[in-house]
Amino acid sequence: MCGRYASSRAPEDLAGLFEARWDPREALAPSWNVAPTDPVWAVLERPDRDTRAVQRRLRTVRWGLVPSWAKDPGVGARMINARVETVHEKPAFRRAFAKRRCLLPADGFYEWQSVPATATAKAYKQPYFIRPEDGTVMAMAGLYEFWRDRNVPDEDDPAAWLTTATVITTEAADAAGRIHPRMPLALDPADYEAWLDPAHEDVHALRALLHTPAEGRLEVRAVSTEVNSVRNNGPHLLDTAAPSGSQRS
């Protein structure tokens, strides 16, 4: 799964990388410890409200997809990931898979391994930061959905709508598989256009886009256990871990 990631690039840089429009009034601080239910950047394509022309935009969404039919938005905390093997058929995701796909930019993601206790140290969970070897942005394949808050009577009120997203995961490949069996599925840049196109609803063709990039190489590095707490944030979380046994969760 993917339960925590880093996203520190400035929105103007992301907008340039993905050739997307971005409203400077929409701000989001860089984060080295993105957690479920946090606001995150998403790249998506939607028709313009006035002209109906499809536009690619960089906008914020909440991590943890809330299906449109959900009674309570709290279910999103349990839907941060969607498995690539079943995403097209699961009731919570299949409608978004057909109509509302996005990219979730990340520097990299975290996974953990349990370190057993020794005679001199307690057991703890060692975090690893996993990112592309070349330092390029990870364009994690995702889905987004709109949820209507019925407690807000005016549907034109922005407060009446919640936009949420989930990260599609696949079997871990390369070095990441030594840490955890699942990982986010990053899209190849050549597939961005087809994946984001809201008019593209061919499920078989869309599923064919969900493959690990052929030249995808990942760097895996043990980092500070400070990332274990969602209260901690900052670039120091990516500092190389101290020798085994000297850190605690």
C-alpha atoms as a PDB file:
ATOM      1  CA  MET A   1       0.000   0.000   0.000  1.00  0.00           C
ATOM      2  CA  CYS A   2       0.951   3.653  -0.002  1.00  0.00           C
ATOM      3  CA  GLY A   3       0.106   5.290   3.307  1.00  0.00           C
ATOM      4  CA  ARG A   4       2.529   8.179   3.396  1.00  0.00           C
ATOM      5  CA  TYR A   5       4.465  10.158   0.793  1.00  0.00           C
ATOM      6  CA  ALA A   6       6.417  13.358   0.185  1.00  0.00           C
ATOM      7  CA  SER A   7       5.343  16.194  -2.105  1.00  0.00           C
ATOM      8  CA  SER A   8       7.574  19.237  -1.780  1.00  0.00           C
ATOM      9  CA  ARG A   9       7.635  20.742  -5.279  1.00  0.00           C
ATOM     10  CA  ALA A  10       6.181  24.227  -5.690  1.00  0.00           C
ATOM     11  CA  PRO A  11       2.819  24.389  -7.518  1.00  0.00           C
ATOM     12  CA  GLU A  12       4.224  26.611 -10.255  1.00  0.00           C
ATOM     13  CA  ASP A  13       6.860  23.938 -10.927  1.00  0.00           C
ATOM     14  CA  LEU A  14       4.249  21.167 -10.990  1.00  0.00           C
ATOM     15  CA  ALA A  15       2.029  23.197 -13.297  1.00  0.00           C
ATOM     16  CA  GLY A  16       4.943  23.553 -15.690  1.00  0.00           C
ATOM     17  CA  LEU A  17       5.917  19.888 -15.521  1.00  0.00           C
ATOM     18  CA  PHE A  18       2.399  18.710 -16.290  1.00  0.00           C
ATOM     19  CA  GLU A  19       1.447  21.570 -18.639  1.00  0.00           C
ATOM     20  CA  ALA A  20      -1.496  22.382 -16.379  1.00  0.00           C
ATOM     21  CA  ARG A  21      -3.247  25.574 -15.378  1.00  0.00           C
ATOM     22  CA  TRP A  22      -2.975  26.597 -11.746  1.00  0.00           C
ATOM     23  CA  ASP A  23      -4.804  29.278  -9.804  1.00  0.00           C
ATOM     24  CA  PRO A  24      -2.237  31.044  -7.529  1.00  0.00           C
ATOM     25  CA  ARG A  25      -5.026  31.626  -5.018  1.00  0.00           C
ATOM     26  CA  GLU A  26      -4.996  27.881  -4.385  1.00  0.00           C
ATOM     27  CA  ALA A  27      -2.045  27.284  -2.083  1.00  0.00           C
ATOM     28  CA  LEU A  28      -0.622  24.218  -0.409  1.00  0.00           C
ATOM     29  CA  ALA A  29       2.537  24.067   1.678  1.00  0.00           C
ATOM     30  CA  PRO A  30       5.246  21.557   0.741  1.00  0.00           C
ATOM     31  CA  SER A  31       5.056  18.378   2.791  1.00  0.00           C
ATOM     32  CA  TRP A  32       7.576  15.639   3.477  1.00  0.00           C
ATOM     33  CA  ASN A  33       5.002  13.645   5.441  1.00  0.00           C
ATOM     34  CA  VAL A  34       1.739  13.561   3.496  1.00  0.00           C
ATOM     35  CA  ALA A  35      -0.798  11.464   5.418  1.00  0.00           C
ATOM     36  CA  PRO A  36      -4.319  10.189   4.688  1.00  0.00           C
ATOM     37  CA  THR A  37      -7.014  12.930   4.702  1.00  0.00           C
ATOM     38  CA  ASP A  38      -4.365  15.610   4.018  1.00  0.00           C
ATOM     39  CA  PRO A  39      -4.918  18.023   1.122  1.00  0.00           C
ATOM     40  CA  VAL A  40      -2.706  17.089  -1.832  1.00  0.00           C
ATOM     41  CA  TRP A  41      -2.008  18.294  -5.366  1.00  0.00           C
ATOM     42  CA  ALA A  42      -3.743  16.505  -8.227  1.00  0.00           C
ATOM     43  CA  VAL A  43      -3.486  16.945 -11.993  1.00  0.00           C
ATOM     44  CA  LEU A  44      -6.810  16.394 -13.741  1.00  0.00           C
ATOM     45  CA  GLU A  45      -8.778  17.379 -16.820  1.00  0.00           C
ATOM     46  CA  ARG A  46     -12.282  18.862 -16.632  1.00  0.00           C
ATOM     47  CA  PRO A  47     -14.510  20.863 -19.002  1.00  0.00           C
ATOM     48  CA  ASP A  48     -14.425  24.590 -18.331  1.00  0.00           C
ATOM     49  CA  ARG A  49     -17.621  25.692 -16.623  1.00  0.00           C
ATOM     50  CA  ASP A  50     -18.294  28.425 -19.176  1.00  0.00           C
ATOM     51  CA  THR A  51     -16.755  27.289 -22.457  1.00  0.00           C
ATOM     52  CA  ARG A  52     -16.985  23.510 -21.828  1.00  0.00           C
ATOM     53  CA  ALA A  53     -13.530  23.152 -23.340  1.00  0.00           C
ATOM     54  CA  VAL A  54     -11.495  20.481 -21.540  1.00  0.00           C
ATOM     55  CA  GLN A  55      -8.658  21.980 -19.514  1.00  0.00           C
ATOM     56  CA  ARG A  56      -5.817  20.364 -17.605  1.00  0.00           C
ATOM     57  CA  ARG A  57      -5.573  21.784 -14.102  1.00  0.00           C
ATOM     58  CA  LEU A  58      -3.469  21.489 -10.991  1.00  0.00           C
ATOM     59  CA  ARG A  59      -5.734  21.649  -7.964  1.00  0.00           C
ATOM     60  CA  THR A  60      -5.996  20.444  -4.382  1.00  0.00           C
ATOM     61  CA  VAL A  61      -8.009  17.410  -3.321  1.00  0.00           C
ATOM     62  CA  ARG A  62      -8.237  15.464  -0.079  1.00  0.00           C
ATOM     63  CA  TRP A  63      -6.397  12.136   0.051  1.00  0.00           C
ATOM     64  CA  GLY A  64      -8.862   9.312   0.671  1.00  0.00           C
ATOM     65  CA  LEU A  65     -11.614   8.827  -1.880  1.00  0.00           C
ATOM     66  CA  VAL A  66     -15.206   9.354  -0.755  1.00  0.00           C
ATOM     67  CA  PRO A  67     -17.677   7.754  -3.206  1.00  0.00           C
ATOM     68  CA  SER A  68     -20.503  10.027  -4.306  1.00  0.00           C
ATOM     69  CA  TRP A  69     -23.020   7.664  -2.662  1.00  0.00           C
ATOM     70  CA  ALA A  70     -21.289   7.605   0.735  1.00  0.00           C
ATOM     71  CA  LYS A  71     -23.362   8.816   3.682  1.00  0.00           C
ATOM     72  CA  ASP A  72     -20.317   9.928   5.652  1.00  0.00           C
ATOM     73  CA  PRO A  73     -17.081  11.435   4.250  1.00  0.00           C
ATOM     74  CA  GLY A  74     -15.174   9.637   6.990  1.00  0.00           C
ATOM     75  CA  VAL A  75     -15.048   6.520   4.807  1.00  0.00           C
ATOM     76  CA  GLY A  76     -12.335   8.237   2.768  1.00  0.00           C
ATOM     77  CA  ALA A  77      -9.715   7.495   5.420  1.00  0.00           C
ATOM     78  CA  ARG A  78     -10.067   3.808   4.487  1.00  0.00           C
ATOM     79  CA  MET A  79      -9.895   4.413   0.724  1.00  0.00           C
ATOM     80  CA  ILE A  80      -6.470   5.956   0.266  1.00  0.00           C
ATOM     81  CA  ASN A  81      -5.422   3.149  -2.097  1.00  0.00           C
ATOM     82  CA  ALA A  82      -7.074   1.217  -4.931  1.00  0.00           C
ATOM     83  CA  ARG A  83      -5.543  -2.028  -6.183  1.00  0.00           C
ATOM     84  CA  VAL A  84      -4.774  -2.009  -9.915  1.00  0.00           C
ATOM     85  CA  GLU A  85      -6.009  -5.590 -10.223  1.00  0.00           C
ATOM     86  CA  THR A  86      -9.573  -4.705  -9.160  1.00  0.00           C
ATOM     87  CA  VAL A  87      -9.916  -0.891  -9.407  1.00  0.00           C
ATOM     88  CA  HIS A  88     -12.117  -1.099 -12.511  1.00  0.00           C
ATOM     89  CA  GLU A  89     -14.719  -3.306 -10.836  1.00  0.00           C
ATOM     90  CA  LYS A  90     -14.903  -2.286  -7.176  1.00  0.00           C
ATOM     91  CA  PRO A  91     -18.108  -0.314  -6.425  1.00  0.00           C
ATOM     92  CA  ALA A  92     -16.186   2.464  -4.663  1.00  0.00           C
ATOM     93  CA  PHE A  93     -13.861   3.052  -7.615  1.00  0.00           C
ATOM     94  CA  ARG A  94     -15.308   1.784 -10.905  1.00  0.00           C
ATOM     95  CA  ARG A  95     -17.285   4.935 -11.751  1.00  0.00           C
ATOM     96  CA  ALA A  96     -14.285   7.188 -11.070  1.00  0.00           C
ATOM     97  CA  PHE A  97     -12.058   4.813 -13.062  1.00  0.00           C
ATOM     98  CA  ALA A  98     -14.267   5.320 -16.099  1.00  0.00           C
ATOM     99  CA  LYS A  99     -14.699   9.079 -15.779  1.00  0.00           C
ATOM    100  CA  ARG A 100     -12.458  10.774 -13.194  1.00  0.00           C
ATOM    101  CA  ARG A 101      -8.781   9.881 -13.367  1.00  0.00           C
ATOM    102  CA  CYS A 102      -5.906  12.010 -12.138  1.00  0.00           C
ATOM    103  CA  LEU A 103      -2.198  12.126 -11.406  1.00  0.00           C
ATOM    104  CA  LEU A 104      -0.906  12.709  -7.882  1.00  0.00           C
ATOM    105  CA  PRO A 105       2.630  14.179  -7.992  1.00  0.00           C
ATOM    106  CA  ALA A 106       5.080  12.919  -5.387  1.00  0.00           C
ATOM    107  CA  ASP A 107       8.798  13.134  -4.648  1.00  0.00           C
ATOM    108  CA  GLY A 108       8.622   9.565  -3.387  1.00  0.00           C
ATOM    109  CA  PHE A 109       6.821   7.421  -0.829  1.00  0.00           C
ATOM    110  CA  TYR A 110       7.498   5.681   2.483  1.00  0.00           C
ATOM    111  CA  GLU A 111       7.272   2.069   3.540  1.00  0.00           C
ATOM    112  CA  TRP A 112       8.231   0.402   6.810  1.00  0.00           C
ATOM    113  CA  GLN A 113       9.930  -2.761   8.017  1.00  0.00           C
ATOM    114  CA  SER A 114       9.669  -4.105  11.533  1.00  0.00           C
ATOM    115  CA  VAL A 115      12.986  -4.405  13.379  1.00  0.00           C
ATOM    116  CA  PRO A 116      12.823  -6.980  16.198  1.00  0.00           C
ATOM    117  CA  ALA A 117      13.990  -6.261  19.706  1.00  0.00           C
ATOM    118  CA  THR A 118      17.530  -7.164  20.770  1.00  0.00           C
ATOM    119  CA  ALA A 119      19.172  -7.494  24.142  1.00  0.00           C
ATOM    120  CA  THR A 120      19.991  -3.792  24.097  1.00  0.00           C
ATOM    121  CA  ALA A 121      17.200  -2.185  22.023  1.00  0.00           C
ATOM    122  CA  LYS A 122      13.425  -2.284  21.748  1.00  0.00           C
ATOM    123  CA  ALA A 123      11.582  -3.348  18.605  1.00  0.00           C
ATOM    124  CA  TYR A 124      10.716  -0.517  16.222  1.00  0.00           C
ATOM    125  CA  LYS A 125       9.563   0.181  12.688  1.00  0.00           C
ATOM    126  CA  GLN A 126      12.229   1.423  10.301  1.00  0.00           C
ATOM    127  CA  PRO A 127      10.928   3.741   7.554  1.00  0.00           C
ATOM    128  CA  TYR A 128      12.367   3.736   4.051  1.00  0.00           C
ATOM    129  CA  PHE A 129      11.991   6.483   1.488  1.00  0.00           C
ATOM    130  CA  ILE A 130      11.521   5.179  -2.047  1.00  0.00           C
ATOM    131  CA  ARG A 131      11.897   7.513  -5.024  1.00  0.00           C
ATOM    132  CA  PRO A 132      12.973   7.515  -8.691  1.00  0.00           C
ATOM    133  CA  GLU A 133      16.756   7.199  -8.946  1.00  0.00           C
ATOM    134  CA  ASP A 134      16.967  10.252 -11.178  1.00  0.00           C
ATOM    135  CA  GLY A 135      15.008  12.438  -8.763  1.00  0.00           C
ATOM    136  CA  THR A 136      12.180  13.107 -11.214  1.00  0.00           C
ATOM    137  CA  VAL A 137       8.611  13.543 -10.011  1.00  0.00           C
ATOM    138  CA  MET A 138       6.504  10.421  -9.486  1.00  0.00           C
ATOM    139  CA  ALA A 139       3.184  10.832 -11.289  1.00  0.00           C
ATOM    140  CA  MET A 140       1.134   8.401  -9.230  1.00  0.00           C
ATOM    141  CA  ALA A 141      -1.956   7.147 -11.030  1.00  0.00           C
ATOM    142  CA  GLY A 142      -5.070   8.155  -9.136  1.00  0.00           C
ATOM    143  CA  LEU A 143      -8.817   8.576  -9.226  1.00  0.00           C
ATOM    144  CA  TYR A 144     -10.868  11.473  -7.900  1.00  0.00           C
ATOM    145  CA  GLU A 145     -14.486  11.870  -6.891  1.00  0.00           C
ATOM    146  CA  PHE A 146     -16.956  14.569  -5.835  1.00  0.00           C
ATOM    147  CA  TRP A 147     -19.037  14.166  -2.688  1.00  0.00           C
ATOM    148  CA  ARG A 148     -22.092  16.356  -2.002  1.00  0.00           C
ATOM    149  CA  ASP A 149     -22.599  17.519   1.575  1.00  0.00           C
ATOM    150  CA  ARG A 150     -26.388  17.535   1.995  1.00  0.00           C
ATOM    151  CA  ASN A 151     -26.076  19.678   5.124  1.00  0.00           C
ATOM    152  CA  VAL A 152     -25.228  22.620   2.839  1.00  0.00           C
ATOM    153  CA  PRO A 153     -28.494  23.513   1.067  1.00  0.00           C
ATOM    154  CA  ASP A 154     -27.024  25.549  -1.800  1.00  0.00           C
ATOM    155  CA  GLU A 155     -25.223  23.249  -4.230  1.00  0.00           C
ATOM    156  CA  ASP A 156     -23.446  26.253  -5.766  1.00  0.00           C
ATOM    157  CA  ASP A 157     -21.753  26.910  -2.436  1.00  0.00           C
ATOM    158  CA  PRO A 158     -18.163  25.565  -2.622  1.00  0.00           C
ATOM    159  CA  ALA A 159     -18.642  24.227   0.918  1.00  0.00           C
ATOM    160  CA  ALA A 160     -21.274  21.838  -0.459  1.00  0.00           C
ATOM    161  CA  TRP A 161     -18.666  19.782  -2.294  1.00  0.00           C
ATOM    162  CA  LEU A 162     -15.694  17.691  -1.217  1.00  0.00           C
ATOM    163  CA  THR A 163     -13.173  16.507  -3.820  1.00  0.00           C
ATOM    164  CA  THR A 164     -11.153  13.454  -2.824  1.00  0.00           C
ATOM    165  CA  ALA A 165      -8.672  11.076  -4.444  1.00  0.00           C
ATOM    166  CA  THR A 166      -7.073   7.666  -4.116  1.00  0.00           C
ATOM    167  CA  VAL A 167      -3.681   6.283  -5.218  1.00  0.00           C
ATOM    168  CA  ILE A 168      -3.651   3.198  -7.444  1.00  0.00           C
ATOM    169  CA  THR A 169      -1.173   0.566  -6.249  1.00  0.00           C
ATOM    170  CA  THR A 170       0.504  -2.389  -7.921  1.00  0.00           C
ATOM    171  CA  GLU A 171       2.902  -5.192  -7.044  1.00  0.00           C
ATOM    172  CA  ALA A 172       6.207  -3.734  -5.953  1.00  0.00           C
ATOM    173  CA  ALA A 173       9.037  -4.071  -8.428  1.00  0.00           C
ATOM    174  CA  ASP A 174      12.740  -3.329  -8.390  1.00  0.00           C
ATOM    175  CA  ALA A 175      14.263  -2.469  -5.013  1.00  0.00           C
ATOM    176  CA  ALA A 176      10.904  -1.500  -3.469  1.00  0.00           C
ATOM    177  CA  GLY A 177       9.796  -5.128  -3.388  1.00  0.00           C
ATOM    178  CA  ARG A 178      12.365  -5.894  -0.704  1.00  0.00           C
ATOM    179  CA  ILE A 179      10.581  -3.500   1.640  1.00  0.00           C
ATOM    180  CA  HIS A 180       6.873  -4.000   0.893  1.00  0.00           C
ATOM    181  CA  PRO A 181       4.891  -6.102  -1.626  1.00  0.00           C
ATOM    182  CA  ARG A 182       2.832  -3.122  -2.881  1.00  0.00           C
ATOM    183  CA  MET A 183       3.756   0.303  -4.234  1.00  0.00           C
ATOM    184  CA  PRO A 184       2.112   3.278  -5.980  1.00  0.00           C
ATOM    185  CA  LEU A 185       1.751   2.865  -9.725  1.00  0.00           C
ATOM    186  CA  ALA A 186       3.573   5.707 -11.472  1.00  0.00           C
ATOM    187  CA  LEU A 187       2.524   6.507 -15.034  1.00  0.00           C
ATOM    188  CA  ASP A 188       4.856   6.924 -17.956  1.00  0.00           C
ATOM    189  CA  PRO A 189       4.762  10.519 -19.304  1.00  0.00           C
ATOM    190  CA  ALA A 190       3.712   9.158 -22.702  1.00  0.00           C
ATOM    191  CA  ASP A 191       0.496   7.915 -21.080  1.00  0.00           C
ATOM    192  CA  TYR A 192      -0.536  11.106 -19.256  1.00  0.00           C
ATOM    193  CA  GLU A 193      -2.764  12.410 -22.033  1.00  0.00           C
ATOM    194  CA  ALA A 194      -4.755   9.205 -22.482  1.00  0.00           C
ATOM    195  CA  TRP A 195      -5.084   8.641 -18.738  1.00  0.00           C
ATOM    196  CA  LEU A 196      -6.365  12.142 -17.990  1.00  0.00           C
ATOM    197  CA  ASP A 197      -8.738  12.416 -20.966  1.00  0.00           C
ATOM    198  CA  PRO A 198     -12.256  12.423 -19.438  1.00  0.00           C
ATOM    199  CA  ALA A 199     -13.735  11.272 -22.751  1.00  0.00           C
ATOM    200  CA  HIS A 200     -11.636   8.102 -22.717  1.00  0.00           C
ATOM    201  CA  GLU A 201     -13.887   5.437 -21.156  1.00  0.00           C
ATOM    202  CA  ASP A 202     -12.562   2.221 -22.699  1.00  0.00           C
ATOM    203  CA  VAL A 203     -11.819   0.178 -19.576  1.00  0.00           C
ATOM    204  CA  HIS A 204      -9.525  -2.299 -21.349  1.00  0.00           C
ATOM    205  CA  ALA A 205      -7.463   0.449 -22.980  1.00  0.00           C
ATOM    206  CA  LEU A 206      -7.247   2.342 -19.697  1.00  0.00           C
ATOM    207  CA  ARG A 207      -6.078  -0.723 -17.813  1.00  0.00           C
ATOM    208  CA  ALA A 208      -3.364  -1.211 -20.428  1.00  0.00           C
ATOM    209  CA  LEU A 209      -1.899   2.155 -19.362  1.00  0.00           C
ATOM    210  CA  LEU A 210      -1.398   0.893 -15.825  1.00  0.00           C
ATOM    211  CA  HIS A 211       2.009  -0.687 -16.116  1.00  0.00           C
ATOM    212  CA  THR A 212       5.300   0.083 -14.438  1.00  0.00           C
ATOM    213  CA  PRO A 213       7.381   2.394 -16.680  1.00  0.00           C
ATOM    214  CA  ALA A 214       9.942   0.280 -18.537  1.00  0.00           C
ATOM    215  CA  GLU A 215      12.886   2.378 -17.383  1.00  0.00           C
ATOM    216  CA  GLY A 216      11.582   2.937 -13.859  1.00  0.00           C
ATOM    217  CA  ARG A 217      14.446   2.617 -11.383  1.00  0.00           C
ATOM    218  CA  LEU A 218      13.902   3.218  -7.703  1.00  0.00           C
ATOM    219  CA  GLU A 219      16.233   4.300  -4.925  1.00  0.00           C
ATOM    220  CA  VAL A 220      15.463   2.904  -1.466  1.00  0.00           C
ATOM    221  CA  ARG A 221      16.980   4.553   1.586  1.00  0.00           C
ATOM    222  CA  ALA A 222      16.438   4.109   5.326  1.00  0.00           C
ATOM    223  CA  VAL A 223      15.426   7.453   6.830  1.00  0.00           C
ATOM    224  CA  SER A 224      14.713   9.027  10.202  1.00  0.00           C
ATOM    225  CA  THR A 225      12.032   7.384  12.349  1.00  0.00           C
ATOM    226  CA  GLU A 226      10.661  10.868  12.955  1.00  0.00           C
ATOM    227  CA  VAL A 227       8.488  10.287   9.884  1.00  0.00           C
ATOM    228  CA  ASN A 228       6.615   7.621  11.864  1.00  0.00           C
ATOM    229  CA  SER A 229       4.598  10.413  13.498  1.00  0.00           C
ATOM    230  CA  VAL A 230       2.300  12.476  11.267  1.00  0.00           C
ATOM    231  CA  ARG A 231       3.012  15.431  13.570  1.00  0.00           C
ATOM    232  CA  ASN A 232       6.551  15.689  12.201  1.00  0.00           C
ATOM    233  CA  ASN A 233       7.356  17.382   8.921  1.00  0.00           C
ATOM    234  CA  GLY A 234      10.245  18.991   7.088  1.00  0.00           C
ATOM    235  CA  PRO A 235      13.101  17.977   4.767  1.00  0.00           C
ATOM    236  CA  HIS A 236      15.045  16.552   7.722  1.00  0.00           C
ATOM    237  CA  LEU A 237      12.700  13.537   7.600  1.00  0.00           C
ATOM    238  CA  LEU A 238      14.671  12.357   4.573  1.00  0.00           C
ATOM    239  CA  ASP A 239      17.961  12.352   6.471  1.00  0.00           C
ATOM    240  CA  THR A 240      19.732   9.013   6.242  1.00  0.00           C
ATOM    241  CA  ALA A 241      18.866   6.803   9.199  1.00  0.00           C
ATOM    242  CA  ALA A 242      21.272   6.260  12.050  1.00  0.00           C
ATOM    243  CA  PRO A 243      22.772   2.747  12.404  1.00  0.00           C
ATOM    244  CA  SER A 244      20.249   0.009  13.193  1.00  0.00           C
ATOM    245  CA  GLY A 245      19.243  -0.153  16.830  1.00  0.00           C
ATOM    246  CA  SER A 246      19.913   3.503  17.613  1.00  0.00           C
ATOM    247  CA  GLN A 247      16.463   4.817  16.548  1.00  0.00           C
ATOM    248  CA  ARG A 248      12.999   4.472  18.049  1.00  0.00           C
ATOM    249  CA  SER A 249       9.500   4.860  16.675  1.00  0.00           C
END
